[in-house]
């Protein structure tokens, strides 16, 4: 029998364990320092006086449907009946004191149709003329990685970047597009640009050749919340004999004289043939400091941003007007505490009880530490003031919840993928029995983490 130890019980580690149990003669142990599994996937009830409590996600409330990994894993676990899709798909941007819809004909904010962009009112006529000239230039292909902001500003002008691209991509990644990597964060844009010429024309061609039906839902959610996936994995893994240890922190990894990996824990130690580390890079660096010092030093170069996600529940009559969008984004130039808001009760039909409006509001990003540093009360008051500015809500919420994600978003800055390749080569040289996977490395979203976990587990146990 081969012994595999998985360190980290977030979705990456859980998916890795699920993949590993598909192989015969593999014993799997999964450990996590927290008392629960799931990492950033968490749901909890919000109590409302004299009303049925609402079960609302505290982290990701959905996953990409057009990237197959999460959907496929759910199907393997028999969760198809839990699938649901957004009732409303369009988002808005708060600009010039009002909410304006993002144009539908874009790829990550890059315009495919300039008339649609002009009709949105998000950029000025002069900026439309500047952006539309991109199709007339024979642009050279990028020779290496570059920041998203720098690359798109040169082609389309700064106004498009600040009003459309940055709120969208920067909001998703809690980062600064002038530092985020084009290659790592937006591989679709990088792939389209590699042939040179107009990015807009290349994206149009890419879309025409895509096998995906553009009318298919972009996102899928689970009716009971994303934590349903975590619970199903936990039950399935236990049923297949996986030893799951929560509240057990990994302290360090070393190699024994017998060629095994010895992992010291806060509760003892474990000897295994292979180890898969599915933790944030900073924790991985700590674990690897003695076994691969160079890998540890490189892992420490990956930076993070911290985010607070506040859930507000308002009586429906407290919210003026009709909420028509799934949510809205805030450009940094607006200088609000809020970075984005999801209108959960509009986006998800199963969150709409007919009496309340559910809003999930984010604060904090790279360069803005307020989401981490303000107290819960200060965050609630500050974001309620922003909701008055953006939506005209003056009544207090009937229920609130503060969810904090310190160092929750790895920042894939320029050169990130090259750094990850160097990290992987260094670790393979020093200890090929250990691999890394997770949101610090090759993708932040749930599907990307699932794919990384499963691929790494298969590589270790099938070698």
Protein backbone atom coordinates (compact mmCIF):
# COMPACT_ATOMS: atom_id res chain seq x y z
CA UNK A 1 0.00 0.00 0.00
CA UNK A 2 1.08 3.57 -0.70
CA UNK A 3 0.37 6.25 1.91
CA UNK A 4 -0.68 9.70 0.70
CA UNK A 5 -0.97 12.61 3.13
CA UNK A 6 -3.00 15.63 2.02
CA UNK A 7 -2.40 18.79 4.03
CA UNK A 8 -5.32 21.23 3.78
CA UNK A 9 -9.01 20.39 3.75
CA UNK A 10 -10.29 23.12 1.47
CA UNK A 11 -11.86 22.24 -1.87
CA UNK A 12 -8.42 21.52 -3.39
CA UNK A 13 -7.51 18.98 -0.72
CA UNK A 14 -10.96 17.39 -0.73
CA UNK A 15 -10.92 17.01 -4.52
CA UNK A 16 -7.42 15.56 -4.33
CA UNK A 17 -8.54 12.98 -1.78
CA UNK A 18 -11.52 12.07 -3.96
CA UNK A 19 -9.21 11.53 -6.93
CA UNK A 20 -6.76 9.47 -4.89
CA UNK A 21 -9.38 7.00 -3.65
CA UNK A 22 -10.14 6.10 -7.25
CA UNK A 23 -6.75 4.34 -7.34
CA UNK A 24 -6.34 0.89 -5.76
CA UNK A 25 -3.86 0.29 -2.95
CA UNK A 26 -3.66 3.89 -1.79
CA UNK A 27 -4.26 4.90 1.82
CA UNK A 28 -5.27 8.54 2.14
CA UNK A 29 -5.06 10.78 5.19
CA UNK A 30 -6.45 14.31 5.02
CA UNK A 31 -5.62 16.86 7.72
CA UNK A 32 -6.71 20.42 8.36
CA UNK A 33 -5.82 22.84 11.14
CA UNK A 34 -9.39 24.12 11.39
CA UNK A 35 -12.20 22.28 13.18
CA UNK A 36 -14.16 22.08 9.92
CA UNK A 37 -13.42 21.24 6.30
CA UNK A 38 -14.07 23.45 3.30
CA UNK A 39 -11.67 26.37 3.74
CA UNK A 40 -13.24 29.41 2.11
CA UNK A 41 -16.37 27.44 1.20
CA UNK A 42 -18.73 28.11 4.06
CA UNK A 43 -22.43 28.71 4.53
CA UNK A 44 -24.40 29.64 7.62
CA UNK A 45 -27.88 30.70 8.63
CA UNK A 46 -28.78 34.34 9.14
CA UNK A 47 -31.44 34.80 11.79
CA UNK A 48 -34.24 37.28 11.10
CA UNK A 49 -36.63 38.17 13.91
CA UNK A 50 -39.88 36.17 13.71
CA UNK A 51 -38.86 34.80 10.30
CA UNK A 52 -37.36 31.59 8.94
CA UNK A 53 -33.56 31.94 8.97
CA UNK A 54 -31.85 32.19 5.59
CA UNK A 55 -28.94 29.90 4.64
CA UNK A 56 -26.48 32.15 2.81
CA UNK A 57 -22.94 31.43 1.60
CA UNK A 58 -20.14 33.29 3.37
CA UNK A 59 -17.67 32.71 0.54
CA UNK A 60 -18.19 31.69 -3.08
CA UNK A 61 -21.90 31.25 -3.85
CA UNK A 62 -21.37 29.62 -7.27
CA UNK A 63 -18.80 28.25 -9.69
CA UNK A 64 -18.18 28.59 -13.41
CA UNK A 65 -20.43 26.24 -15.36
CA UNK A 66 -18.41 26.46 -18.59
CA UNK A 67 -15.27 25.11 -16.88
CA UNK A 68 -16.13 21.45 -16.38
CA UNK A 69 -14.27 20.45 -13.22
CA UNK A 70 -16.72 21.55 -10.52
CA UNK A 71 -19.81 20.46 -12.46
CA UNK A 72 -18.22 17.06 -13.15
CA UNK A 73 -17.27 16.55 -9.51
CA UNK A 74 -20.81 17.37 -8.40
CA UNK A 75 -22.17 14.84 -10.88
CA UNK A 76 -19.81 12.17 -9.59
CA UNK A 77 -21.20 12.82 -6.10
CA UNK A 78 -24.82 12.69 -7.28
CA UNK A 79 -25.57 16.37 -6.71
CA UNK A 80 -27.22 17.15 -10.06
CA UNK A 81 -30.60 17.76 -8.43
CA UNK A 82 -29.00 20.56 -6.40
CA UNK A 83 -27.98 22.52 -9.53
CA UNK A 84 -29.43 25.96 -10.05
CA UNK A 85 -28.44 28.93 -12.19
CA UNK A 86 -28.72 32.72 -11.75
CA UNK A 87 -32.16 34.15 -12.37
CA UNK A 88 -30.44 37.34 -13.55
CA UNK A 89 -27.01 37.38 -15.15
CA UNK A 90 -26.18 41.02 -15.94
CA UNK A 91 -24.09 43.18 -13.62
CA UNK A 92 -23.73 46.94 -13.26
CA UNK A 93 -20.99 49.45 -12.48
CA UNK A 94 -21.49 52.43 -10.16
CA UNK A 95 -20.19 55.39 -12.13
CA UNK A 96 -20.96 59.09 -12.02
CA UNK A 97 -23.41 58.63 -9.17
CA UNK A 98 -25.54 56.01 -10.90
CA UNK A 99 -25.63 52.31 -11.71
CA UNK A 100 -25.00 51.46 -15.36
CA UNK A 101 -25.17 48.02 -16.94
CA UNK A 102 -22.01 46.40 -18.20
CA UNK A 103 -22.30 45.75 -21.94
CA UNK A 104 -22.96 42.11 -22.74
CA UNK A 105 -20.55 41.97 -25.70
CA UNK A 106 -17.28 41.87 -23.81
CA UNK A 107 -14.72 39.31 -22.75
CA UNK A 108 -13.53 40.20 -19.24
CA UNK A 109 -14.38 43.81 -20.01
CA UNK A 110 -12.64 43.89 -23.39
CA UNK A 111 -15.22 45.10 -25.94
CA UNK A 112 -16.35 42.97 -28.86
CA UNK A 113 -18.95 45.52 -29.98
CA UNK A 114 -18.23 49.23 -29.59
CA UNK A 115 -21.82 50.35 -30.17
CA UNK A 116 -22.88 48.26 -27.18
CA UNK A 117 -20.06 49.78 -25.16
CA UNK A 118 -21.10 53.31 -26.17
CA UNK A 119 -24.74 52.61 -25.24
CA UNK A 120 -23.68 51.56 -21.72
CA UNK A 121 -22.53 55.09 -20.90
CA UNK A 122 -19.53 53.73 -19.04
CA UNK A 123 -16.94 55.62 -21.06
CA UNK A 124 -17.01 58.96 -22.85
CA UNK A 125 -17.44 59.45 -26.62
CA UNK A 126 -13.77 60.37 -26.90
CA UNK A 127 -12.81 57.19 -25.05
CA UNK A 128 -15.09 55.14 -27.33
CA UNK A 129 -13.28 56.56 -30.35
CA UNK A 130 -9.93 55.79 -28.73
CA UNK A 131 -10.93 52.23 -27.84
CA UNK A 132 -12.48 51.44 -31.21
CA UNK A 133 -9.25 52.36 -33.00
CA UNK A 134 -7.72 49.17 -31.54
CA UNK A 135 -9.06 47.12 -34.45
CA UNK A 136 -7.13 49.24 -36.98
CA UNK A 137 -3.64 48.58 -35.56
CA UNK A 138 -1.43 45.60 -36.34
CA UNK A 139 -0.36 45.10 -32.74
CA UNK A 140 2.71 42.96 -32.02
CA UNK A 141 2.20 39.84 -29.94
CA UNK A 142 3.34 40.18 -26.31
CA UNK A 143 6.90 38.88 -25.92
CA UNK A 144 6.40 37.96 -22.28
CA UNK A 145 4.09 38.54 -19.37
CA UNK A 146 2.76 42.03 -18.73
CA UNK A 147 0.19 43.60 -16.42
CA UNK A 148 -3.43 43.57 -17.54
CA UNK A 149 -3.66 47.33 -16.98
CA UNK A 150 -0.58 48.19 -18.98
CA UNK A 151 -1.49 45.89 -21.86
CA UNK A 152 -5.10 47.07 -22.23
CA UNK A 153 -4.37 50.75 -21.58
CA UNK A 154 -1.95 50.81 -24.53
CA UNK A 155 -4.56 49.26 -26.81
CA UNK A 156 -7.86 50.75 -25.64
CA UNK A 157 -7.03 53.76 -23.47
CA UNK A 158 -7.12 54.31 -19.72
CA UNK A 159 -10.79 55.13 -19.38
CA UNK A 160 -11.94 51.69 -20.51
CA UNK A 161 -9.53 50.08 -18.08
CA UNK A 162 -10.60 52.19 -15.08
CA UNK A 163 -14.35 52.11 -15.73
CA UNK A 164 -14.88 48.58 -17.05
CA UNK A 165 -11.90 46.21 -16.85
CA UNK A 166 -10.53 47.15 -13.44
CA UNK A 167 -13.84 46.94 -11.55
CA UNK A 168 -14.53 43.55 -13.13
CA UNK A 169 -11.15 41.79 -13.05
CA UNK A 170 -9.82 43.69 -10.06
CA UNK A 171 -13.03 42.97 -8.19
CA UNK A 172 -12.92 39.23 -8.88
CA UNK A 173 -9.29 39.03 -7.76
CA UNK A 174 -9.35 41.72 -5.04
CA UNK A 175 -6.34 43.12 -6.83
CA UNK A 176 -4.86 45.91 -8.91
CA UNK A 177 -4.94 45.33 -12.67
CA UNK A 178 -1.78 47.41 -13.02
CA UNK A 179 0.04 44.66 -11.13
CA UNK A 180 -1.95 41.54 -12.03
CA UNK A 181 -0.55 39.22 -14.68
CA UNK A 182 -2.19 39.09 -18.11
CA UNK A 183 -0.95 35.54 -18.58
CA UNK A 184 -1.98 34.12 -15.19
CA UNK A 185 -5.17 36.04 -14.42
CA UNK A 186 -6.65 36.36 -17.91
CA UNK A 187 -5.30 33.43 -19.95
CA UNK A 188 -8.12 33.85 -22.46
CA UNK A 189 -6.92 37.37 -23.29
CA UNK A 190 -3.29 36.25 -23.36
CA UNK A 191 -4.09 33.40 -25.76
CA UNK A 192 -5.99 35.74 -28.09
CA UNK A 193 -3.12 38.25 -28.07
CA UNK A 194 -0.38 35.74 -28.83
CA UNK A 195 -1.05 35.81 -32.55
CA UNK A 196 -0.61 39.59 -32.75
CA UNK A 197 -3.00 42.03 -34.40
CA UNK A 198 -6.24 43.32 -32.90
CA UNK A 199 -7.28 41.74 -29.61
CA UNK A 200 -10.94 42.55 -30.28
CA UNK A 201 -10.86 40.80 -33.67
CA UNK A 202 -9.04 37.81 -32.17
CA UNK A 203 -11.61 37.53 -29.37
CA UNK A 204 -14.47 37.71 -31.87
CA UNK A 205 -12.89 34.85 -33.81
CA UNK A 206 -12.26 32.93 -30.59
CA UNK A 207 -15.92 33.32 -29.63
CA UNK A 208 -17.15 32.19 -33.06
CA UNK A 209 -15.01 29.05 -32.87
CA UNK A 210 -15.96 28.20 -29.31
CA UNK A 211 -18.05 25.03 -28.89
CA UNK A 212 -19.83 26.67 -25.95
CA UNK A 213 -23.38 27.83 -26.56
CA UNK A 214 -23.39 31.54 -25.59
CA UNK A 215 -26.91 31.11 -24.19
CA UNK A 216 -25.73 28.49 -21.67
CA UNK A 217 -25.52 29.68 -18.04
CA UNK A 218 -22.14 31.05 -17.04
CA UNK A 219 -22.50 30.02 -13.38
CA UNK A 220 -23.92 27.07 -11.47
CA UNK A 221 -24.85 27.05 -7.79
CA UNK A 222 -26.19 24.45 -5.37
CA UNK A 223 -29.60 24.99 -3.81
CA UNK A 224 -28.32 24.21 -0.33
CA UNK A 225 -25.24 26.39 -0.74
CA UNK A 226 -21.75 25.63 -1.99
CA UNK A 227 -20.96 23.88 1.30
CA UNK A 228 -23.23 21.04 0.10
CA UNK A 229 -20.29 20.01 -2.09
CA UNK A 230 -17.97 19.99 0.92
CA UNK A 231 -20.41 17.90 2.97
CA UNK A 232 -20.89 15.42 0.13
CA UNK A 233 -17.13 15.03 -0.31
CA UNK A 234 -16.64 14.56 3.43
CA UNK A 235 -19.24 11.79 3.56
CA UNK A 236 -17.97 10.10 0.40
CA UNK A 237 -14.36 10.15 1.57
CA UNK A 238 -15.18 8.72 4.98
CA UNK A 239 -17.22 5.98 3.30
CA UNK A 240 -14.15 5.08 1.26
CA UNK A 241 -11.86 4.81 4.26
CA UNK A 242 -10.06 8.16 4.14
CA UNK A 243 -8.76 9.17 7.54
CA UNK A 244 -9.83 12.78 8.13
CA UNK A 245 -8.16 14.72 10.95
CA UNK A 246 -9.50 18.21 11.68
CA UNK A 247 -8.02 20.52 14.30
CA UNK A 248 -4.61 19.07 13.49
CA UNK A 249 -2.03 21.54 12.21
CA UNK A 250 0.93 20.48 10.09
CA UNK A 251 4.15 22.01 11.44
CA UNK A 252 6.97 20.78 9.20
CA UNK A 253 8.00 18.17 6.64
CA UNK A 254 11.25 16.24 6.57
CA UNK A 255 12.69 13.15 4.88
CA UNK A 256 13.39 10.02 6.89
CA UNK A 257 16.33 7.67 6.34
CA UNK A 258 13.88 5.20 4.82
CA UNK A 259 12.89 7.68 2.10
CA UNK A 260 9.52 8.48 3.65
CA UNK A 261 8.16 11.96 4.35
CA UNK A 262 7.74 12.67 8.06
CA UNK A 263 5.18 15.39 8.76
CA UNK A 264 5.14 16.82 12.27
CA UNK A 265 1.68 17.79 13.46
CA UNK A 266 0.39 19.71 16.44
CA UNK A 267 -1.12 16.38 17.52
CA UNK A 268 1.75 14.00 16.71
CA UNK A 269 3.41 12.96 13.45
CA UNK A 270 2.60 11.04 10.26
CA UNK A 271 4.93 9.07 7.98
CA UNK A 272 3.83 8.82 4.34
CA UNK A 273 5.15 7.98 0.90
CA UNK A 274 3.81 11.14 -0.73
CA UNK A 275 2.53 14.50 0.50
CA UNK A 276 0.26 16.94 -1.28
CA UNK A 277 0.25 20.41 0.28
CA UNK A 278 -3.01 22.24 -0.43
CA UNK A 279 -2.48 25.29 1.77
CA UNK A 280 -1.80 28.96 1.02
CA UNK A 281 1.76 29.60 -0.15
CA UNK A 282 2.86 31.18 3.13
CA UNK A 283 1.89 28.06 5.07
CA UNK A 284 3.51 25.82 2.44
CA UNK A 285 6.72 27.84 2.78
CA UNK A 286 6.74 27.21 6.52
CA UNK A 287 6.25 23.48 6.03
CA UNK A 288 9.03 23.22 3.44
CA UNK A 289 11.61 25.45 5.08
CA UNK A 290 13.91 22.61 6.13
CA UNK A 291 13.28 20.14 3.31
CA UNK A 292 13.53 22.66 0.44
CA UNK A 293 14.76 26.11 1.56
CA UNK A 294 14.86 27.56 -1.95
CA UNK A 295 11.25 26.53 -2.58
CA UNK A 296 10.22 28.14 0.70
CA UNK A 297 11.95 31.42 -0.21
CA UNK A 298 10.17 31.56 -3.55
CA UNK A 299 6.79 30.74 -2.03
CA UNK A 300 7.18 33.73 0.27
CA UNK A 301 7.25 36.02 -2.78
CA UNK A 302 3.52 35.41 -3.39
CA UNK A 303 1.49 38.21 -1.83
CA UNK A 304 -2.14 38.29 -0.71
CA UNK A 305 -5.02 40.66 -0.16
CA UNK A 306 -7.60 40.42 2.62
CA UNK A 307 -11.34 40.81 2.12
CA UNK A 308 -14.38 41.18 4.34
CA UNK A 309 -17.72 39.99 2.96
CA UNK A 310 -20.76 41.43 4.71
CA UNK A 311 -24.25 40.07 4.29
CA UNK A 312 -27.10 42.55 4.74
CA UNK A 313 -30.78 41.62 4.87
CA UNK A 314 -33.24 44.49 4.37
CA UNK A 315 -37.00 44.55 4.38
CA UNK A 316 -38.08 44.79 0.76
CA UNK A 317 -39.86 48.10 1.28
CA UNK A 318 -36.61 49.62 2.57
CA UNK A 319 -34.98 49.31 -0.86
CA UNK A 320 -36.15 51.99 -3.31
CA UNK A 321 -36.68 51.05 -6.93
CA UNK A 322 -36.37 47.71 -8.61
CA UNK A 323 -33.11 45.77 -8.42
CA UNK A 324 -32.59 44.47 -11.94
CA UNK A 325 -28.97 43.30 -11.83
CA UNK A 326 -27.23 40.34 -10.22
CA UNK A 327 -24.86 42.81 -8.57
CA UNK A 328 -22.69 45.83 -9.15
CA UNK A 329 -19.01 46.77 -9.15
CA UNK A 330 -17.27 49.84 -7.76
CA UNK A 331 -14.33 51.46 -9.59
CA UNK A 332 -11.48 52.47 -7.33
CA UNK A 333 -11.94 56.04 -8.55
CA UNK A 334 -15.31 56.13 -6.73
CA UNK A 335 -13.38 56.06 -3.43
CA UNK A 336 -15.94 54.00 -1.55
CA UNK A 337 -15.25 51.39 1.10
CA UNK A 338 -17.32 48.91 -0.93
CA UNK A 339 -15.64 47.13 -3.83
CA UNK A 340 -18.64 45.14 -5.08
CA UNK A 341 -22.13 44.02 -4.11
CA UNK A 342 -24.08 40.92 -5.09
CA UNK A 343 -27.87 41.21 -5.00
CA UNK A 344 -28.38 37.66 -3.80
CA UNK A 345 -32.16 37.73 -3.67
CA UNK A 346 -32.30 38.88 -7.30
CA UNK A 347 -29.50 36.63 -8.51
CA UNK A 348 -30.75 33.45 -6.83
CA UNK A 349 -34.46 32.65 -6.86
CA UNK A 350 -34.10 30.33 -3.85
CA UNK A 351 -32.79 33.24 -1.73
CA UNK A 352 -35.86 35.35 -2.44
CA UNK A 353 -38.46 34.86 0.30
CA UNK A 354 -40.63 37.67 -1.10
CA UNK A 355 -40.10 39.79 2.02
CA UNK A 356 -36.42 40.67 2.06
CA UNK A 357 -33.51 41.83 -0.07
CA UNK A 358 -30.24 39.99 0.50
CA UNK A 359 -27.03 41.84 -0.36
CA UNK A 360 -23.50 40.48 -0.06
CA UNK A 361 -21.07 43.40 0.01
CA UNK A 362 -17.27 43.19 -0.25
CA UNK A 363 -14.60 45.47 1.21
CA UNK A 364 -10.84 45.33 0.95
CA UNK A 365 -8.38 44.70 -1.87
CA UNK A 366 -4.67 45.02 -2.53
CA UNK A 367 -3.70 48.49 -1.44
CA UNK A 368 -6.79 48.90 0.77
CA UNK A 369 -6.50 47.28 4.20
CA UNK A 370 -9.73 48.66 5.62
CA UNK A 371 -11.57 45.39 5.09
CA UNK A 372 -9.10 43.75 7.47
CA UNK A 373 -8.44 46.60 9.89
CA UNK A 374 -11.91 48.05 10.61
CA UNK A 375 -14.00 46.55 13.39
CA UNK A 376 -17.22 44.73 12.55
CA UNK A 377 -19.26 47.74 13.66
CA UNK A 378 -17.16 50.13 11.58
CA UNK A 379 -17.52 47.90 8.53
CA UNK A 380 -21.29 47.66 8.93
CA UNK A 381 -21.69 51.43 9.34
CA UNK A 382 -19.31 52.23 6.48
CA UNK A 383 -20.92 49.83 4.03
CA UNK A 384 -24.45 50.88 5.00
CA UNK A 385 -23.38 54.43 4.11
CA UNK A 386 -22.13 53.14 0.73
CA UNK A 387 -25.45 51.33 0.18
CA UNK A 388 -27.21 54.64 0.75
CA UNK A 389 -24.92 56.24 -1.84
CA UNK A 390 -25.36 53.48 -4.43
CA UNK A 391 -28.90 52.18 -3.85
CA UNK A 392 -30.53 54.92 -1.77
CA UNK A 393 -31.14 52.63 1.22
CA UNK A 394 -31.57 54.67 4.39
CA UNK A 395 -33.28 52.15 6.70
CA UNK A 396 -31.08 49.90 8.83
CA UNK A 397 -30.69 46.26 7.90
CA UNK A 398 -32.84 43.73 9.78
CA UNK A 399 -29.88 41.32 9.89
CA UNK A 400 -26.14 41.55 9.21
CA UNK A 401 -23.23 39.15 9.19
CA UNK A 402 -19.50 39.83 8.86
CA UNK A 403 -17.33 37.17 7.22
CA UNK A 404 -13.61 37.84 7.13
CA UNK A 405 -11.12 36.24 4.75
CA UNK A 406 -7.63 37.37 5.87
CA UNK A 407 -5.05 36.82 3.13
CA UNK A 408 -7.89 35.26 1.18
CA UNK A 409 -6.78 36.16 -2.35
CA UNK A 410 -3.37 35.32 -3.76
CA UNK A 411 -2.16 38.09 -6.04
CA UNK A 412 -1.01 36.71 -9.38
CA UNK A 413 1.34 39.54 -10.26
CA UNK A 414 3.37 39.85 -13.46
CA UNK A 415 5.62 36.80 -13.83
CA UNK A 416 3.45 34.65 -11.54
CA UNK A 417 3.38 31.55 -13.74
CA UNK A 418 7.13 31.72 -14.26
CA UNK A 419 7.55 31.90 -10.47
CA UNK A 420 5.26 28.87 -10.01
CA UNK A 421 7.25 26.88 -12.58
CA UNK A 422 10.46 27.73 -10.73
CA UNK A 423 8.87 26.70 -7.41
CA UNK A 424 7.74 23.39 -8.85
CA UNK A 425 11.17 22.67 -10.35
CA UNK A 426 12.92 23.51 -7.09
CA UNK A 427 10.61 21.28 -5.04
CA UNK A 428 10.90 18.43 -7.54
CA UNK A 429 14.69 18.61 -7.31
CA UNK A 430 14.72 18.51 -3.50
CA UNK A 431 11.77 16.21 -2.86
CA UNK A 432 9.71 14.85 -5.78
CA UNK A 433 7.39 13.07 -3.33
CA UNK A 434 5.82 16.43 -2.41
CA UNK A 435 3.57 18.49 -4.67
CA UNK A 436 1.68 21.78 -4.23
CA UNK A 437 -1.84 22.63 -5.33
CA UNK A 438 -4.43 25.29 -4.60
CA UNK A 439 -5.51 28.86 -5.12
CA UNK A 440 -2.03 30.31 -4.58
CA UNK A 441 -0.71 28.69 -7.74
CA UNK A 442 -2.68 28.09 -10.93
CA UNK A 443 -6.17 29.49 -10.50
CA UNK A 444 -8.35 31.01 -7.77
CA UNK A 445 -11.81 29.69 -8.61
CA UNK A 446 -13.46 26.50 -7.41
CA UNK A 447 -13.08 24.65 -10.77
CA UNK A 448 -9.39 25.60 -10.98
CA UNK A 449 -8.74 24.39 -7.43
CA UNK A 450 -10.56 21.12 -8.09
CA UNK A 451 -8.54 20.53 -11.26
CA UNK A 452 -5.26 21.26 -9.49
CA UNK A 453 -6.08 18.94 -6.59
CA UNK A 454 -7.17 16.06 -8.77
CA UNK A 455 -4.26 16.39 -11.19
CA UNK A 456 -1.67 16.55 -8.43
CA UNK A 457 -3.14 13.59 -6.56
CA UNK A 458 -3.22 11.48 -9.72
CA UNK A 459 0.39 12.37 -10.49
CA UNK A 460 1.54 11.34 -7.01
CA UNK A 461 -0.33 8.05 -6.64
CA UNK A 462 -0.01 6.93 -10.26
CA UNK A 463 3.75 7.46 -10.50
